[in-house]
Amino acid sequence: MIFPLEKLIRFKDNIYQITCAASHRAYQLSMVHDEQIDEHDGKVVSLAAEQLFSNEVQYRIEQ
C-alpha cells in the first residue's frame, strides 16, 4: 500500500489538519505494534492515512 494520493487530491478539508492527524495516528500504531502494519509492508504512515481517509478512524482538532 502506498500513500493514497488520489484520496488526498480529492480531499476538500484542511490538508494540514489531516496530515497532523495521520502523523499522530502513525505514532499510535507504531507504539502499540498494531498487526495491520505488517499487512501494509511496514508502511505506518500509509496505513494511518488510509484509516483516516476511509473514516475507519475519526479525528478532531482540539483548541
N, C-alpha and C. Protein backbone atom coordinates (compact mmCIF):
# COMPACT_ATOMS: atom_id res chain seq x y z
N MET A 1 0.84 -1.19 0.00
CA MET A 1 0.00 0.00 0.00
C MET A 1 0.88 1.24 0.00
N ILE A 2 0.55 2.18 -0.81
CA ILE A 2 1.25 3.46 -0.82
C ILE A 2 0.32 4.53 -0.27
N PHE A 3 0.87 5.72 -0.06
CA PHE A 3 0.05 6.82 0.45
C PHE A 3 -1.06 7.10 -0.56
N PRO A 4 -2.30 7.21 -0.11
CA PRO A 4 -3.45 7.34 -1.02
C PRO A 4 -3.52 8.73 -1.66
N LEU A 5 -2.70 8.98 -2.67
CA LEU A 5 -2.63 10.29 -3.30
C LEU A 5 -3.95 10.70 -3.95
N GLU A 6 -4.64 9.75 -4.57
CA GLU A 6 -5.90 10.10 -5.21
C GLU A 6 -6.93 10.60 -4.20
N LYS A 7 -6.91 10.02 -2.99
CA LYS A 7 -7.82 10.50 -1.95
C LYS A 7 -7.37 11.85 -1.41
N LEU A 8 -6.08 12.06 -1.35
CA LEU A 8 -5.54 13.34 -0.90
C LEU A 8 -5.91 14.45 -1.88
N ILE A 9 -5.86 14.16 -3.15
CA ILE A 9 -6.21 15.16 -4.17
C ILE A 9 -7.68 15.54 -4.08
N ARG A 10 -8.54 14.56 -3.80
CA ARG A 10 -9.97 14.83 -3.71
C ARG A 10 -10.40 15.37 -2.35
N PHE A 11 -9.49 15.41 -1.39
CA PHE A 11 -9.81 15.85 -0.03
C PHE A 11 -10.11 17.35 -0.04
N LYS A 12 -11.25 17.74 0.52
CA LYS A 12 -11.70 19.13 0.47
C LYS A 12 -11.46 19.91 1.76
N ASP A 13 -11.13 19.22 2.84
CA ASP A 13 -10.92 19.89 4.12
C ASP A 13 -9.47 20.36 4.24
N ASN A 14 -9.07 20.71 5.44
CA ASN A 14 -7.75 21.25 5.71
C ASN A 14 -6.68 20.16 5.62
N ILE A 15 -5.78 20.28 4.65
CA ILE A 15 -4.73 19.29 4.42
C ILE A 15 -3.78 19.25 5.62
N TYR A 16 -3.48 20.39 6.20
CA TYR A 16 -2.57 20.43 7.35
C TYR A 16 -3.14 19.60 8.50
N GLN A 17 -4.44 19.72 8.75
CA GLN A 17 -5.06 19.00 9.86
C GLN A 17 -5.00 17.49 9.66
N ILE A 18 -5.31 17.03 8.45
CA ILE A 18 -5.29 15.58 8.25
C ILE A 18 -3.85 15.05 8.22
N THR A 19 -2.90 15.89 7.82
CA THR A 19 -1.50 15.49 7.87
C THR A 19 -1.05 15.32 9.31
N CYS A 20 -1.43 16.25 10.17
CA CYS A 20 -1.11 16.14 11.60
C CYS A 20 -1.79 14.92 12.20
N ALA A 21 -3.05 14.69 11.83
CA ALA A 21 -3.79 13.54 12.34
C ALA A 21 -3.13 12.23 11.90
N ALA A 22 -2.68 12.16 10.65
CA ALA A 22 -2.00 10.96 10.16
C ALA A 22 -0.69 10.72 10.90
N SER A 23 0.02 11.79 11.19
CA SER A 23 1.27 11.67 11.93
C SER A 23 1.02 11.12 13.33
N HIS A 24 0.02 11.67 14.00
CA HIS A 24 -0.32 11.20 15.36
C HIS A 24 -0.81 9.75 15.33
N ARG A 25 -1.63 9.42 14.33
CA ARG A 25 -2.14 8.05 14.23
C ARG A 25 -1.02 7.07 13.93
N ALA A 26 -0.08 7.45 13.08
CA ALA A 26 1.06 6.59 12.78
C ALA A 26 1.87 6.32 14.04
N TYR A 27 2.05 7.33 14.85
CA TYR A 27 2.76 7.18 16.12
C TYR A 27 2.02 6.19 17.02
N GLN A 28 0.68 6.34 17.11
CA GLN A 28 -0.11 5.42 17.94
C GLN A 28 0.04 3.99 17.46
N LEU A 29 -0.07 3.79 16.15
CA LEU A 29 0.04 2.44 15.59
C LEU A 29 1.40 1.82 15.88
N SER A 30 2.45 2.61 15.74
CA SER A 30 3.79 2.07 15.97
C SER A 30 4.05 1.78 17.44
N MET A 31 3.45 2.56 18.33
CA MET A 31 3.67 2.33 19.76
C MET A 31 2.99 1.06 20.26
N VAL A 32 1.85 0.72 19.68
CA VAL A 32 1.14 -0.49 20.11
C VAL A 32 1.47 -1.70 19.23
N HIS A 33 2.36 -1.50 18.26
CA HIS A 33 2.78 -2.57 17.34
C HIS A 33 1.58 -3.26 16.71
N ASP A 34 0.71 -2.44 16.13
CA ASP A 34 -0.52 -2.94 15.51
C ASP A 34 -0.18 -3.97 14.43
N GLU A 35 -0.93 -5.05 14.39
CA GLU A 35 -0.66 -6.13 13.43
C GLU A 35 -0.96 -5.72 11.99
N GLN A 36 -1.75 -4.68 11.78
CA GLN A 36 -2.04 -4.20 10.43
C GLN A 36 -0.79 -3.61 9.76
N ILE A 37 0.18 -3.22 10.55
CA ILE A 37 1.42 -2.66 9.99
C ILE A 37 2.10 -3.68 9.08
N ASP A 38 2.15 -4.93 9.52
CA ASP A 38 2.76 -5.98 8.71
C ASP A 38 2.00 -6.21 7.42
N GLU A 39 0.68 -6.08 7.48
CA GLU A 39 -0.15 -6.25 6.29
C GLU A 39 0.08 -5.14 5.26
N HIS A 40 0.65 -4.01 5.71
CA HIS A 40 0.93 -2.87 4.83
C HIS A 40 2.43 -2.70 4.61
N ASP A 41 3.16 -3.81 4.68
CA ASP A 41 4.61 -3.83 4.43
C ASP A 41 5.37 -2.85 5.31
N GLY A 42 4.90 -2.63 6.52
CA GLY A 42 5.60 -1.76 7.46
C GLY A 42 5.42 -0.28 7.21
N LYS A 43 4.53 0.08 6.31
CA LYS A 43 4.30 1.49 5.97
C LYS A 43 3.25 2.07 6.90
N VAL A 44 3.72 2.56 8.05
CA VAL A 44 2.84 3.01 9.11
C VAL A 44 2.07 4.28 8.71
N VAL A 45 2.74 5.22 8.10
CA VAL A 45 2.07 6.47 7.71
C VAL A 45 1.00 6.21 6.66
N SER A 46 1.28 5.34 5.72
CA SER A 46 0.28 5.00 4.70
C SER A 46 -0.94 4.34 5.33
N LEU A 47 -0.71 3.46 6.29
CA LEU A 47 -1.80 2.81 6.99
C LEU A 47 -2.63 3.84 7.76
N ALA A 48 -1.97 4.73 8.45
CA ALA A 48 -2.67 5.77 9.21
C ALA A 48 -3.49 6.66 8.29
N ALA A 49 -2.92 7.06 7.17
CA ALA A 49 -3.64 7.92 6.22
C ALA A 49 -4.85 7.19 5.65
N GLU A 50 -4.68 5.92 5.31
CA GLU A 50 -5.80 5.15 4.77
C GLU A 50 -6.92 5.03 5.80
N GLN A 51 -6.58 4.83 7.07
CA GLN A 51 -7.59 4.76 8.11
C GLN A 51 -8.35 6.08 8.24
N LEU A 52 -7.65 7.18 8.12
CA LEU A 52 -8.30 8.48 8.23
C LEU A 52 -9.18 8.79 7.02
N PHE A 53 -8.67 8.53 5.82
CA PHE A 53 -9.44 8.83 4.61
C PHE A 53 -10.66 7.93 4.46
N SER A 54 -10.59 6.72 4.99
CA SER A 54 -11.73 5.80 4.89
C SER A 54 -12.69 5.95 6.06
N ASN A 55 -12.38 6.89 6.97
CA ASN A 55 -13.19 7.15 8.17
C ASN A 55 -13.24 5.97 9.12
N GLU A 56 -12.26 5.07 9.01
CA GLU A 56 -12.12 3.99 9.98
C GLU A 56 -11.72 4.57 11.34
N VAL A 57 -10.96 5.66 11.28
CA VAL A 57 -10.53 6.38 12.47
C VAL A 57 -10.95 7.83 12.29
N GLN A 58 -11.59 8.38 13.31
CA GLN A 58 -12.02 9.78 13.29
C GLN A 58 -10.98 10.65 14.00
N TYR A 59 -10.91 11.91 13.64
CA TYR A 59 -10.01 12.84 14.31
C TYR A 59 -10.72 14.16 14.53
N ARG A 60 -10.22 14.91 15.50
CA ARG A 60 -10.73 16.27 15.74
C ARG A 60 -9.57 17.11 16.23
N ILE A 61 -9.64 18.37 15.96
CA ILE A 61 -8.61 19.29 16.39
C ILE A 61 -9.08 19.96 17.67
N GLU A 62 -8.28 19.84 18.72
CA GLU A 62 -8.62 20.46 19.98
C GLU A 62 -7.95 21.80 20.08
N GLN A 63 -8.66 22.77 20.59
CA GLN A 63 -8.13 24.12 20.74
C GLN A 63 -7.35 24.25 22.03
